[in-house]
PDB file of N, CA and C in Angstrom:
ATOM      1  N   MET A   1    -150.470  36.747 138.624  1.00  0.00           N
ATOM      2  CA  MET A   1    -151.590  37.654 138.473  1.00  0.00           C
ATOM      3  C   MET A   1    -152.770  37.255 139.361  1.00  0.00           C
ATOM      4  N   ASN A   2    -153.109  35.939 139.409  1.00  0.00           N
ATOM      5  CA  ASN A   2    -154.256  35.515 140.210  1.00  0.00           C
ATOM      6  C   ASN A   2    -154.048  35.764 141.697  1.00  0.00           C
ATOM      7  N   TRP A   3    -152.829  35.599 142.187  1.00  0.00           N
ATOM      8  CA  TRP A   3    -152.583  35.850 143.608  1.00  0.00           C
ATOM      9  C   TRP A   3    -152.860  37.311 143.956  1.00  0.00           C
ATOM     10  N   LEU A   4    -152.561  38.206 143.018  1.00  0.00           N
ATOM     11  CA  LEU A   4    -152.823  39.620 143.253  1.00  0.00           C
ATOM     12  C   LEU A   4    -154.332  39.887 143.316  1.00  0.00           C
ATOM     13  N   MET A   5    -155.087  39.208 142.481  1.00  0.00           N
ATOM     14  CA  MET A   5    -156.539  39.363 142.493  1.00  0.00           C
ATOM     15  C   MET A   5    -157.118  38.847 143.820  1.00  0.00           C
ATOM     16  N   VAL A   6    -156.570  37.749 144.327  1.00  0.00           N
ATOM     17  CA  VAL A   6    -157.018  37.219 145.611  1.00  0.00           C
ATOM     18  C   VAL A   6    -156.743  38.233 146.721  1.00  0.00           C
ATOM     19  N   VAL A   7    -155.549  38.812 146.700  1.00  0.00           N
ATOM     20  CA  VAL A   7    -155.179  39.815 147.708  1.00  0.00           C
ATOM     21  C   VAL A   7    -156.113  41.020 147.628  1.00  0.00           C
ATOM     22  N   LEU A   8    -156.368  41.499 146.430  1.00  0.00           N
ATOM     23  CA  LEU A   8    -157.247  42.663 146.272  1.00  0.00           C
ATOM     24  C   LEU A   8    -158.670  42.368 146.759  1.00  0.00           C
ATOM     25  N   GLY A   9    -159.164  41.185 146.443  1.00  0.00           N
ATOM     26  CA  GLY A   9    -160.500  40.801 146.921  1.00  0.00           C
ATOM     27  C   GLY A   9    -160.551  40.713 148.433  1.00  0.00           C
ATOM     28  N   ALA A  10    -159.503  40.158 149.023  1.00  0.00           N
ATOM     29  CA  ALA A  10    -159.447  40.030 150.485  1.00  0.00           C
ATOM     30  C   ALA A  10    -159.345  41.398 151.157  1.00  0.00           C
ATOM     31  N   LEU A  11    -158.665  42.326 150.495  1.00  0.00           N
ATOM     32  CA  LEU A  11    -158.556  43.681 151.053  1.00  0.00           C
ATOM     33  C   LEU A  11    -159.920  44.353 151.178  1.00  0.00           C
ATOM     34  N   ALA A  12    -160.839  43.975 150.331  1.00  0.00           N
ATOM     35  CA  ALA A  12    -162.203  44.511 150.420  1.00  0.00           C
ATOM     36  C   ALA A  12    -163.084  43.649 151.323  1.00  0.00           C
ATOM     37  N   GLY A  13    -162.945  42.326 151.232  1.00  0.00           N
ATOM     38  CA  GLY A  13    -163.826  41.418 151.961  1.00  0.00           C
ATOM     39  C   GLY A  13    -163.650  41.444 153.464  1.00  0.00           C
ATOM     40  N   ALA A  14    -162.421  41.478 153.934  1.00  0.00           N
ATOM     41  CA  ALA A  14    -162.180  41.425 155.385  1.00  0.00           C
ATOM     42  C   ALA A  14    -162.733  42.653 156.122  1.00  0.00           C
ATOM     43  N   PRO A  15    -162.434  43.873 155.653  1.00  0.00           N
ATOM     44  CA  PRO A  15    -163.021  45.020 156.367  1.00  0.00           C
ATOM     45  C   PRO A  15    -164.543  45.074 156.249  1.00  0.00           C
ATOM     46  N   LEU A  16    -165.070  44.661 155.093  1.00  0.00           N
ATOM     47  CA  LEU A  16    -166.520  44.651 154.939  1.00  0.00           C
ATOM     48  C   LEU A  16    -167.152  43.665 155.916  1.00  0.00           C
ATOM     49  N   ARG A  17    -166.512  42.528 156.120  1.00  0.00           N
ATOM     50  CA  ARG A  17    -167.019  41.551 157.090  1.00  0.00           C
ATOM     51  C   ARG A  17    -167.110  42.186 158.473  1.00  0.00           C
ATOM     52  N   TYR A  18    -166.053  42.812 158.891  1.00  0.00           N
ATOM     53  CA  TYR A  18    -166.033  43.419 160.220  1.00  0.00           C
ATOM     54  C   TYR A  18    -167.107  44.502 160.351  1.00  0.00           C
ATOM     55  N   LEU A  19    -167.170  45.385 159.374  1.00  0.00           N
ATOM     56  CA  LEU A  19    -168.124  46.495 159.437  1.00  0.00           C
ATOM     57  C   LEU A  19    -169.574  46.006 159.382  1.00  0.00           C
ATOM     58  N   ALA A  20    -169.844  45.049 158.505  1.00  0.00           N
ATOM     59  CA  ALA A  20    -171.204  44.510 158.396  1.00  0.00           C
ATOM     60  C   ALA A  20    -171.591  43.768 159.668  1.00  0.00           C
ATOM     61  N   ASP A  21    -170.682  42.983 160.199  1.00  0.00           N
ATOM     62  CA  ASP A  21    -170.945  42.256 161.437  1.00  0.00           C
ATOM     63  C   ASP A  21    -171.288  43.214 162.564  1.00  0.00           C
ATOM     64  N   ARG A  22    -170.509  44.232 162.734  1.00  0.00           N
ATOM     65  CA  ARG A  22    -170.753  45.207 163.808  1.00  0.00           C
ATOM     66  C   ARG A  22    -172.052  45.969 163.579  1.00  0.00           C
ATOM     67  N   ALA A  23    -172.320  46.350 162.342  1.00  0.00           N
ATOM     68  CA  ALA A  23    -173.548  47.103 162.049  1.00  0.00           C
ATOM     69  C   ALA A  23    -174.787  46.268 162.339  1.00  0.00           C
ATOM     70  N   VAL A  24    -174.780  45.015 161.936  1.00  0.00           N
ATOM     71  CA  VAL A  24    -175.932  44.144 162.172  1.00  0.00           C
ATOM     72  C   VAL A  24    -176.073  43.842 163.657  1.00  0.00           C
ATOM     73  N   GLN A  25    -174.989  43.458 164.295  1.00  0.00           N
ATOM     74  CA  GLN A  25    -175.057  43.051 165.696  1.00  0.00           C
ATOM     75  C   GLN A  25    -175.473  44.203 166.614  1.00  0.00           C
ATOM     76  N   SER A  26    -175.086  45.419 166.249  1.00  0.00           N
ATOM     77  CA  SER A  26    -175.428  46.566 167.101  1.00  0.00           C
ATOM     78  C   SER A  26    -176.925  46.863 167.099  1.00  0.00           C
ATOM     79  N   ARG A  27    -177.660  46.287 166.166  1.00  0.00           N
ATOM     80  CA  ARG A  27    -179.092  46.531 166.063  1.00  0.00           C
ATOM     81  C   ARG A  27    -179.930  45.461 166.761  1.00  0.00           C
ATOM     82  N   HIS A  28    -179.261  44.517 167.421  1.00  0.00           N
ATOM     83  CA  HIS A  28    -179.973  43.408 168.065  1.00  0.00           C
ATOM     84  C   HIS A  28    -179.567  43.299 169.525  1.00  0.00           C
ATOM     85  N   GLU A  29    -180.548  43.050 170.366  1.00  0.00           N
ATOM     86  CA  GLU A  29    -180.296  42.835 171.790  1.00  0.00           C
ATOM     87  C   GLU A  29    -179.977  41.377 172.089  1.00  0.00           C
ATOM     88  N   SER A  30    -180.300  40.495 171.172  1.00  0.00           N
ATOM     89  CA  SER A  30    -180.124  39.062 171.360  1.00  0.00           C
ATOM     90  C   SER A  30    -178.639  38.691 171.433  1.00  0.00           C
ATOM     91  N   VAL A  31    -178.351  37.601 172.144  1.00  0.00           N
ATOM     92  CA  VAL A  31    -176.979  37.099 172.190  1.00  0.00           C
ATOM     93  C   VAL A  31    -176.635  36.304 170.931  1.00  0.00           C
ATOM     94  N   PHE A  32    -177.645  36.009 170.118  1.00  0.00           N
ATOM     95  CA  PHE A  32    -177.398  35.270 168.873  1.00  0.00           C
ATOM     96  C   PHE A  32    -176.510  36.126 167.961  1.00  0.00           C
ATOM     97  N   PRO A  33    -175.477  35.548 167.384  1.00  0.00           N
ATOM     98  CA  PRO A  33    -174.535  36.324 166.568  1.00  0.00           C
ATOM     99  C   PRO A  33    -175.054  36.590 165.145  1.00  0.00           C
ATOM    100  N   TRP A  34    -176.043  37.468 165.047  1.00  0.00           N
ATOM    101  CA  TRP A  34    -176.669  37.767 163.756  1.00  0.00           C
ATOM    102  C   TRP A  34    -175.690  38.344 162.741  1.00  0.00           C
ATOM    103  N   GLY A  35    -174.741  39.123 163.177  1.00  0.00           N
ATOM    104  CA  GLY A  35    -173.780  39.719 162.250  1.00  0.00           C
ATOM    105  C   GLY A  35    -172.938  38.673 161.545  1.00  0.00           C
ATOM    106  N   THR A  36    -172.367  37.770 162.310  1.00  0.00           N
ATOM    107  CA  THR A  36    -171.557  36.694 161.728  1.00  0.00           C
ATOM    108  C   THR A  36    -172.414  35.790 160.853  1.00  0.00           C
ATOM    109  N   PHE A  37    -173.604  35.478 161.330  1.00  0.00           N
ATOM    110  CA  PHE A  37    -174.532  34.651 160.559  1.00  0.00           C
ATOM    111  C   PHE A  37    -174.814  35.294 159.201  1.00  0.00           C
ATOM    112  N   GLY A  38    -175.070  36.584 159.205  1.00  0.00           N
ATOM    113  CA  GLY A  38    -175.383  37.296 157.966  1.00  0.00           C
ATOM    114  C   GLY A  38    -174.226  37.354 156.986  1.00  0.00           C
ATOM    115  N   VAL A  39    -173.025  37.672 157.475  1.00  0.00           N
ATOM    116  CA  VAL A  39    -171.894  37.752 156.537  1.00  0.00           C
ATOM    117  C   VAL A  39    -171.536  36.369 156.001  1.00  0.00           C
ATOM    118  N   ASN A  40    -171.680  35.341 156.821  1.00  0.00           N
ATOM    119  CA  ASN A  40    -171.392  34.004 156.327  1.00  0.00           C
ATOM    120  C   ASN A  40    -172.390  33.568 155.260  1.00  0.00           C
ATOM    121  N   LEU A  41    -173.661  33.921 155.444  1.00  0.00           N
ATOM    122  CA  LEU A  41    -174.653  33.596 154.411  1.00  0.00           C
ATOM    123  C   LEU A  41    -174.404  34.388 153.129  1.00  0.00           C
ATOM    124  N   ALA A  42    -174.020  35.634 153.269  1.00  0.00           N
ATOM    125  CA  ALA A  42    -173.702  36.441 152.084  1.00  0.00           C
ATOM    126  C   ALA A  42    -172.528  35.831 151.326  1.00  0.00           C
ATOM    127  N   ALA A  43    -171.519  35.376 152.047  1.00  0.00           N
ATOM    128  CA  ALA A  43    -170.365  34.749 151.402  1.00  0.00           C
ATOM    129  C   ALA A  43    -170.756  33.440 150.724  1.00  0.00           C
ATOM    130  N   CYS A  44    -171.607  32.642 151.375  1.00  0.00           N
ATOM    131  CA  CYS A  44    -172.086  31.392 150.758  1.00  0.00           C
ATOM    132  C   CYS A  44    -172.861  31.688 149.479  1.00  0.00           C
ATOM    133  N   ALA A  45    -173.685  32.726 149.512  1.00  0.00           N
ATOM    134  CA  ALA A  45    -174.451  33.103 148.321  1.00  0.00           C
ATOM    135  C   ALA A  45    -173.516  33.549 147.201  1.00  0.00           C
ATOM    136  N   GLY A  46    -172.538  34.369 147.534  1.00  0.00           N
ATOM    137  CA  GLY A  46    -171.589  34.833 146.521  1.00  0.00           C
ATOM    138  C   GLY A  46    -170.780  33.703 145.922  1.00  0.00           C
ATOM    139  N   LEU A  47    -170.293  32.803 146.770  1.00  0.00           N
ATOM    140  CA  LEU A  47    -169.514  31.669 146.253  1.00  0.00           C
ATOM    141  C   LEU A  47    -170.379  30.715 145.441  1.00  0.00           C
ATOM    142  N   GLY A  48    -171.623  30.529 145.852  1.00  0.00           N
ATOM    143  CA  GLY A  48    -172.525  29.682 145.085  1.00  0.00           C
ATOM    144  C   GLY A  48    -172.785  30.250 143.705  1.00  0.00           C
ATOM    145  N   LEU A  49    -173.072  31.531 143.652  1.00  0.00           N
ATOM    146  CA  LEU A  49    -173.322  32.190 142.368  1.00  0.00           C
ATOM    147  C   LEU A  49    -172.085  32.110 141.467  1.00  0.00           C
ATOM    148  N   LEU A  50    -170.938  32.375 142.052  1.00  0.00           N
ATOM    149  CA  LEU A  50    -169.681  32.322 141.300  1.00  0.00           C
ATOM    150  C   LEU A  50    -169.386  30.908 140.810  1.00  0.00           C
ATOM    151  N   THR A  51    -169.623  29.919 141.649  1.00  0.00           N
ATOM    152  CA  THR A  51    -169.399  28.528 141.262  1.00  0.00           C
ATOM    153  C   THR A  51    -170.324  28.129 140.116  1.00  0.00           C
ATOM    154  N   GLY A  52    -171.574  28.513 140.230  1.00  0.00           N
ATOM    155  CA  GLY A  52    -172.525  28.177 139.175  1.00  0.00           C
ATOM    156  C   GLY A  52    -172.210  28.839 137.855  1.00  0.00           C
ATOM    157  N   ALA A  53    -171.671  30.038 137.907  1.00  0.00           N
ATOM    158  CA  ALA A  53    -171.370  30.798 136.687  1.00  0.00           C
ATOM    159  C   ALA A  53    -169.900  30.697 136.289  1.00  0.00           C
ATOM    160  N   ALA A  54    -169.174  29.748 136.863  1.00  0.00           N
ATOM    161  CA  ALA A  54    -167.717  29.674 136.674  1.00  0.00           C
ATOM    162  C   ALA A  54    -167.294  29.634 135.209  1.00  0.00           C
ATOM    163  N   THR A  55    -168.075  28.989 134.366  1.00  0.00           N
ATOM    164  CA  THR A  55    -167.685  28.895 132.958  1.00  0.00           C
ATOM    165  C   THR A  55    -167.794  30.233 132.237  1.00  0.00           C
ATOM    166  N   ALA A  56    -168.573  31.152 132.787  1.00  0.00           N
ATOM    167  CA  ALA A  56    -168.775  32.458 132.155  1.00  0.00           C
ATOM    168  C   ALA A  56    -167.961  33.573 132.809  1.00  0.00           C
ATOM    169  N   VAL A  57    -167.221  33.230 133.858  1.00  0.00           N
ATOM    170  CA  VAL A  57    -166.462  34.246 134.601  1.00  0.00           C
ATOM    171  C   VAL A  57    -164.983  34.120 134.272  1.00  0.00           C
ATOM    172  N   PRO A  58    -164.354  35.184 133.828  1.00  0.00           N
ATOM    173  CA  PRO A  58    -162.909  35.123 133.574  1.00  0.00           C
ATOM    174  C   PRO A  58    -162.148  34.749 134.847  1.00  0.00           C
ATOM    175  N   GLN A  59    -161.085  33.982 134.700  1.00  0.00           N
ATOM    176  CA  GLN A  59    -160.352  33.470 135.854  1.00  0.00           C
ATOM    177  C   GLN A  59    -159.862  34.568 136.809  1.00  0.00           C
ATOM    178  N   PRO A  60    -159.314  35.683 136.324  1.00  0.00           N
ATOM    179  CA  PRO A  60    -158.897  36.721 137.278  1.00  0.00           C
ATOM    180  C   PRO A  60    -160.057  37.275 138.106  1.00  0.00           C
ATOM    181  N   LEU A  61    -161.217  37.444 137.479  1.00  0.00           N
ATOM    182  CA  LEU A  61    -162.386  37.926 138.206  1.00  0.00           C
ATOM    183  C   LEU A  61    -162.851  36.885 139.223  1.00  0.00           C
ATOM    184  N   GLY A  62    -162.793  35.614 138.832  1.00  0.00           N
ATOM    185  CA  GLY A  62    -163.141  34.536 139.755  1.00  0.00           C
ATOM    186  C   GLY A  62    -162.220  34.513 140.959  1.00  0.00           C
ATOM    187  N   ALA A  63    -160.935  34.741 140.756  1.00  0.00           N
ATOM    188  CA  ALA A  63    -159.978  34.779 141.867  1.00  0.00           C
ATOM    189  C   ALA A  63    -160.251  35.970 142.775  1.00  0.00           C
ATOM    190  N   LEU A  64    -160.580  37.102 142.185  1.00  0.00           N
ATOM    191  CA  LEU A  64    -160.887  38.302 142.960  1.00  0.00           C
ATOM    192  C   LEU A  64    -162.110  38.072 143.855  1.00  0.00           C
ATOM    193  N   LEU A  65    -163.160  37.503 143.278  1.00  0.00           N
ATOM    194  CA  LEU A  65    -164.425  37.353 143.991  1.00  0.00           C
ATOM    195  C   LEU A  65    -164.508  36.117 144.882  1.00  0.00           C
ATOM    196  N   GLY A  66    -163.947  34.985 144.434  1.00  0.00           N
ATOM    197  CA  GLY A  66    -164.059  33.733 145.190  1.00  0.00           C
ATOM    198  C   GLY A  66    -163.090  33.652 146.356  1.00  0.00           C
ATOM    199  N   PRO A  67    -161.865  33.186 146.089  1.00  0.00           N
ATOM    200  CA  PRO A  67    -160.905  33.058 147.189  1.00  0.00           C
ATOM    201  C   PRO A  67    -160.431  34.396 147.742  1.00  0.00           C
ATOM    202  N   GLY A  68    -160.728  35.478 147.057  1.00  0.00           N
ATOM    203  CA  GLY A  68    -160.396  36.802 147.564  1.00  0.00           C
ATOM    204  C   GLY A  68    -161.516  37.358 148.417  1.00  0.00           C
ATOM    205  N   PHE A  69    -162.508  37.957 147.767  1.00  0.00           N
ATOM    206  CA  PHE A  69    -163.570  38.671 148.471  1.00  0.00           C
ATOM    207  C   PHE A  69    -164.438  37.768 149.352  1.00  0.00           C
ATOM    208  N   CYS A  70    -165.041  36.731 148.755  1.00  0.00           N
ATOM    209  CA  CYS A  70    -165.985  35.897 149.525  1.00  0.00           C
ATOM    210  C   CYS A  70    -165.299  35.144 150.661  1.00  0.00           C
ATOM    211  N   ALA A  71    -164.093  34.649 150.416  1.00  0.00           N
ATOM    212  CA  ALA A  71    -163.382  33.926 151.481  1.00  0.00           C
ATOM    213  C   ALA A  71    -163.044  34.849 152.643  1.00  0.00           C
ATOM    214  N   ALA A  72    -162.676  36.080 152.340  1.00  0.00           N
ATOM    215  CA  ALA A  72    -162.366  37.027 153.417  1.00  0.00           C
ATOM    216  C   ALA A  72    -163.635  37.559 154.076  1.00  0.00           C
ATOM    217  N   LEU A  73    -164.733  37.555 153.355  1.00  0.00           N
ATOM    218  CA  LEU A  73    -166.005  38.005 153.918  1.00  0.00           C
ATOM    219  C   LEU A  73    -166.531  37.000 154.938  1.00  0.00           C
ATOM    220  N   SER A  74    -166.358  35.718 154.663  1.00  0.00           N
ATOM    221  CA  SER A  74    -166.857  34.694 155.584  1.00  0.00           C
ATOM    222  C   SER A  74    -165.869  34.494 156.728  1.00  0.00           C
ATOM    223  N   THR A  75    -166.356  33.895 157.798  1.00  0.00           N
ATOM    224  CA  THR A  75    -165.487  33.713 158.955  1.00  0.00           C
ATOM    225  C   THR A  75    -165.888  32.483 159.752  1.00  0.00           C
ATOM    226  N   TYR A  76    -165.257  31.386 159.454  1.00  0.00           N
ATOM    227  CA  TYR A  76    -165.516  30.151 160.191  1.00  0.00           C
ATOM    228  C   TYR A  76    -164.971  30.237 161.613  1.00  0.00           C
ATOM    229  N   SER A  77    -163.851  30.899 161.782  1.00  0.00           N
ATOM    230  CA  SER A  77    -163.253  30.986 163.115  1.00  0.00           C
ATOM    231  C   SER A  77    -164.156  31.774 164.070  1.00  0.00           C
ATOM    232  N   THR A  78    -164.723  32.869 163.602  1.00  0.00           N
ATOM    233  CA  THR A  78    -165.615  33.656 164.466  1.00  0.00           C
ATOM    234  C   THR A  78    -166.894  32.880 164.754  1.00  0.00           C
ATOM    235  N   PHE A  79    -167.423  32.200 163.751  1.00  0.00           N
ATOM    236  CA  PHE A  79    -168.600  31.349 163.943  1.00  0.00           C
ATOM    237  C   PHE A  79    -168.312  30.315 165.029  1.00  0.00           C
ATOM    238  N   SER A  80    -167.170  29.649 164.966  1.00  0.00           N
ATOM    239  CA  SER A  80    -166.805  28.630 165.953  1.00  0.00           C
ATOM    240  C   SER A  80    -166.644  29.236 167.336  1.00  0.00           C
ATOM    241  N   TYR A  81    -165.936  30.348 167.401  1.00  0.00           N
ATOM    242  CA  TYR A  81    -165.703  31.024 168.679  1.00  0.00           C
ATOM    243  C   TYR A  81    -167.022  31.455 169.313  1.00  0.00           C
ATOM    244  N   GLU A  82    -167.888  32.094 168.535  1.00  0.00           N
ATOM    245  CA  GLU A  82    -169.160  32.577 169.071  1.00  0.00           C
ATOM    246  C   GLU A  82    -170.057  31.425 169.524  1.00  0.00           C
ATOM    247  N   THR A  83    -170.052  30.331 168.778  1.00  0.00           N
ATOM    248  CA  THR A  83    -170.848  29.162 169.162  1.00  0.00           C
ATOM    249  C   THR A  83    -170.337  28.577 170.477  1.00  0.00           C
ATOM    250  N   LEU A  84    -169.030  28.470 170.604  1.00  0.00           N
ATOM    251  CA  LEU A  84    -168.438  27.962 171.834  1.00  0.00           C
ATOM    252  C   LEU A  84    -168.751  28.880 173.013  1.00  0.00           C
ATOM    253  N   ARG A  85    -168.640  30.180 172.827  1.00  0.00           N
ATOM    254  CA  ARG A  85    -168.933  31.143 173.892  1.00  0.00           C
ATOM    255  C   ARG A  85    -170.399  31.068 174.319  1.00  0.00           C
ATOM    256  N   LEU A  86    -171.292  30.902 173.361  1.00  0.00           N
ATOM    257  CA  LEU A  86    -172.713  30.758 173.703  1.00  0.00           C
ATOM    258  C   LEU A  86    -172.918  29.523 174.579  1.00  0.00           C
ATOM    259  N   ALA A  87    -172.321  28.414 174.189  1.00  0.00           N
ATOM    260  CA  ALA A  87    -172.473  27.170 174.959  1.00  0.00           C
ATOM    261  C   ALA A  87    -171.876  27.316 176.355  1.00  0.00           C
ATOM    262  N   GLU A  88    -170.717  27.919 176.447  1.00  0.00           N
ATOM    263  CA  GLU A  88    -170.047  28.076 177.744  1.00  0.00           C
ATOM    264  C   GLU A  88    -170.789  29.034 178.678  1.00  0.00           C
ATOM    265  N   SER A  89    -171.490  30.001 178.085  1.00  0.00           N
ATOM    266  CA  SER A  89    -172.203  30.977 178.908  1.00  0.00           C
ATOM    267  C   SER A  89    -173.585  30.485 179.325  1.00  0.00           C
ATOM    268  N   GLY A  90    -173.936  29.278 178.941  1.00  0.00           N
ATOM    269  CA  GLY A  90    -175.231  28.722 179.315  1.00  0.00           C
ATOM    270  C   GLY A  90    -176.315  28.894 178.261  1.00  0.00           C
ATOM    271  N   ALA A  91    -175.991  29.567 177.171  1.00  0.00           N
ATOM    272  CA  ALA A  91    -176.971  29.764 176.098  1.00  0.00           C
ATOM    273  C   ALA A  91    -176.855  28.619 175.090  1.00  0.00           C
ATOM    274  N   ARG A  92    -177.056  27.416 175.602  1.00  0.00           N
ATOM    275  CA  ARG A  92    -176.847  26.224 174.774  1.00  0.00           C
ATOM    276  C   ARG A  92    -177.823  26.138 173.591  1.00  0.00           C
ATOM    277  N   ARG A  93    -179.028  26.599 173.787  1.00  0.00           N
ATOM    278  CA  ARG A  93    -179.997  26.568 172.675  1.00  0.00           C
ATOM    279  C   ARG A  93    -179.579  27.527 171.566  1.00  0.00           C
ATOM    280  N   TYR A  94    -179.070  28.688 171.950  1.00  0.00           N
ATOM    281  CA  TYR A  94    -178.561  29.620 170.943  1.00  0.00           C
ATOM    282  C   TYR A  94    -177.341  29.025 170.235  1.00  0.00           C
ATOM    283  N   ALA A  95    -176.488  28.355 170.978  1.00  0.00           N
ATOM    284  CA  ALA A  95    -175.304  27.729 170.386  1.00  0.00           C
ATOM    285  C   ALA A  95    -175.717  26.658 169.382  1.00  0.00           C
ATOM    286  N   ALA A  96    -176.662  25.814 169.778  1.00  0.00           N
ATOM    287  CA  ALA A  96    -177.136  24.760 168.874  1.00  0.00           C
ATOM    288  C   ALA A  96    -177.827  25.362 167.657  1.00  0.00           C
ATOM    289  N   ALA A  97    -178.637  26.378 167.883  1.00  0.00           N
ATOM    290  CA  ALA A  97    -179.324  27.035 166.765  1.00  0.00           C
ATOM    291  C   ALA A  97    -178.320  27.678 165.818  1.00  0.00           C
ATOM    292  N   ASN A  98    -177.299  28.317 166.370  1.00  0.00           N
ATOM    293  CA  ASN A  98    -176.278  28.938 165.529  1.00  0.00           C
ATOM    294  C   ASN A  98    -175.575  27.898 164.669  1.00  0.00           C
ATOM    295  N   ALA A  99    -175.176  26.795 165.275  1.00  0.00           N
ATOM    296  CA  ALA A  99    -174.478  25.752 164.526  1.00  0.00           C
ATOM    297  C   ALA A  99    -175.380  25.145 163.455  1.00  0.00           C
ATOM    298  N   LEU A 100    -176.581  24.769 163.845  1.00  0.00           N
ATOM    299  CA  LEU A 100    -177.493  24.115 162.917  1.00  0.00           C
ATOM    300  C   LEU A 100    -177.943  25.063 161.800  1.00  0.00           C
ATOM    301  N   LEU A 101    -178.375  26.255 162.166  1.00  0.00           N
ATOM    302  CA  LEU A 101    -178.858  27.203 161.165  1.00  0.00           C
ATOM    303  C   LEU A 101    -177.738  27.665 160.225  1.00  0.00           C
ATOM    304  N   SER A 102    -176.559  27.872 160.764  1.00  0.00           N
ATOM    305  CA  SER A 102    -175.447  28.322 159.920  1.00  0.00           C
ATOM    306  C   SER A 102    -175.111  27.293 158.852  1.00  0.00           C
ATOM    307  N   VAL A 103    -175.044  26.031 159.255  1.00  0.00           N
ATOM    308  CA  VAL A 103    -174.707  24.978 158.296  1.00  0.00           C
ATOM    309  C   VAL A 103    -175.840  24.773 157.289  1.00  0.00           C
ATOM    310  N   LEU A 104    -177.062  24.621 157.786  1.00  0.00           N
ATOM    311  CA  LEU A 104    -178.185  24.356 156.879  1.00  0.00           C
ATOM    312  C   LEU A 104    -178.477  25.544 155.954  1.00  0.00           C
ATOM    313  N   ALA A 105    -178.505  26.733 156.508  1.00  0.00           N
ATOM    314  CA  ALA A 105    -178.782  27.907 155.678  1.00  0.00           C
ATOM    315  C   ALA A 105    -177.637  28.165 154.699  1.00  0.00           C
ATOM    316  N   GLY A 106    -176.402  27.967 155.144  1.00  0.00           N
ATOM    317  CA  GLY A 106    -175.254  28.151 154.254  1.00  0.00           C
ATOM    318  C   GLY A 106    -175.287  27.182 153.080  1.00  0.00           C
ATOM    319  N   LEU A 107    -175.536  25.916 153.372  1.00  0.00           N
ATOM    320  CA  LEU A 107    -175.632  24.922 152.289  1.00  0.00           C
ATOM    321  C   LEU A 107    -176.826  25.207 151.381  1.00  0.00           C
ATOM    322  N   GLY A 108    -177.933  25.572 151.984  1.00  0.00           N
ATOM    323  CA  GLY A 108    -179.129  25.856 151.185  1.00  0.00           C
ATOM    324  C   GLY A 108    -178.940  27.040 150.253  1.00  0.00           C
ATOM    325  N   ILE A 109    -178.398  28.125 150.771  1.00  0.00           N
ATOM    326  CA  ILE A 109    -178.229  29.309 149.927  1.00  0.00           C
ATOM    327  C   ILE A 109    -177.147  29.068 148.882  1.00  0.00           C
ATOM    328  N   ALA A 110    -176.135  28.289 149.227  1.00  0.00           N
ATOM    329  CA  ALA A 110    -175.100  27.965 148.242  1.00  0.00           C
ATOM    330  C   ALA A 110    -175.694  27.130 147.101  1.00  0.00           C
ATOM    331  N   ALA A 111    -176.552  26.175 147.445  1.00  0.00           N
ATOM    332  CA  ALA A 111    -177.187  25.345 146.413  1.00  0.00           C
ATOM    333  C   ALA A 111    -178.090  26.184 145.513  1.00  0.00           C
ATOM    334  N   LEU A 112    -178.896  27.048 146.119  1.00  0.00           N
ATOM    335  CA  LEU A 112    -179.795  27.897 145.327  1.00  0.00           C
ATOM    336  C   LEU A 112    -179.029  28.845 144.404  1.00  0.00           C
ATOM    337  N   THR A 113    -178.002  29.481 144.942  1.00  0.00           N
ATOM    338  CA  THR A 113    -177.273  30.445 144.121  1.00  0.00           C
ATOM    339  C   THR A 113    -176.376  29.765 143.090  1.00  0.00           C
ATOM    340  N   THR A 114    -175.958  28.531 143.364  1.00  0.00           N
ATOM    341  CA  THR A 114    -175.223  27.783 142.336  1.00  0.00           C
ATOM    342  C   THR A 114    -176.143  27.512 141.146  1.00  0.00           C
ATOM    343  N   ALA A 115    -177.366  27.106 141.432  1.00  0.00           N
ATOM    344  CA  ALA A 115    -178.340  26.880 140.359  1.00  0.00           C
ATOM    345  C   ALA A 115    -178.633  28.178 139.610  1.00  0.00           C
ATOM    346  N   LEU A 116    -178.745  29.265 140.340  1.00  0.00           N
ATOM    347  CA  LEU A 116    -178.968  30.562 139.703  1.00  0.00           C
ATOM    348  C   LEU A 116    -177.778  30.946 138.818  1.00  0.00           C
ATOM    349  N   GLY A 117    -176.572  30.731 139.312  1.00  0.00           N
ATOM    350  CA  GLY A 117    -175.369  31.024 138.532  1.00  0.00           C
ATOM    351  C   GLY A 117    -175.294  30.191 137.264  1.00  0.00           C
ATOM    352  N   GLN A 118    -175.675  28.916 137.365  1.00  0.00           N
ATOM    353  CA  GLN A 118    -175.687  28.048 136.184  1.00  0.00           C
ATOM    354  C   GLN A 118    -176.705  28.537 135.159  1.00  0.00           C
ATOM    355  N   ALA A 119    -177.856  28.951 135.649  1.00  0.00           N
ATOM    356  CA  ALA A 119    -178.895  29.454 134.748  1.00  0.00           C
ATOM    357  C   ALA A 119    -178.428  30.748 134.058  1.00  0.00           C
ATOM    358  N   LEU A 120    -177.811  31.613 134.819  1.00  0.00           N
ATOM    359  CA  LEU A 120    -177.298  32.875 134.241  1.00  0.00           C
ATOM    360  C   LEU A 120    -176.189  32.610 133.229  1.00  0.00           C
ATOM    361  N   ALA A 121    -175.277  31.696 133.560  1.00  0.00           N
ATOM    362  CA  ALA A 121    -174.190  31.368 132.643  1.00  0.00           C
ATOM    363  C   ALA A 121    -174.746  30.754 131.358  1.00  0.00           C
ATOM    364  N   GLY A 122    -175.758  29.915 131.509  1.00  0.00           N
ATOM    365  CA  GLY A 122    -176.385  29.316 130.329  1.00  0.00           C
ATOM    366  C   GLY A 122    -177.090  30.341 129.458  1.00  0.00           C
ATOM    367  N   ALA A 123    -177.731  31.300 130.088  1.00  0.00           N
ATOM    368  CA  ALA A 123    -178.445  32.333 129.356  1.00  0.00           C
ATOM    369  C   ALA A 123    -177.467  33.283 128.640  1.00  0.00           C
ATOM    370  N   LEU A 124    -176.316  33.524 129.258  1.00  0.00           N
ATOM    371  CA  LEU A 124    -175.334  34.430 128.674  1.00  0.00           C
ATOM    372  C   LEU A 124    -174.413  33.738 127.678  1.00  0.00           C
ATOM    373  N   GLY A 125    -174.251  32.424 127.862  1.00  0.00           N
ATOM    374  CA  GLY A 125    -173.237  31.730 127.074  1.00  0.00           C
ATOM    375  C   GLY A 125    -173.772  31.018 125.914  1.00  0.00           C
TER     376      GLY A 125
END
């Protein structure tokens, strides 16, 4: 049953990642990969919230949202590829900023939303 929930979550997360990435990136002239940055932060926030509220979330729903939706929404491979392309094209400052900001902002938002999830689970439970 849980594997099916993961598949269903991924069926929604992967296309949403692509569409959101393209929608965000099309609105910026910068070479900085804002679309990938945004979807990765959204996935970190979702996983943080889910992790914090894990005791209050039924396991099938957790599988749907965590390793299903959020995992398919995020994209480490695209982040790596875009960072490498920025560095190779001479945009080394953008590459460094992408790497540094992605890691720091991802960890920060995951920590904040984990605390929020714990608070919500405590209030509900």
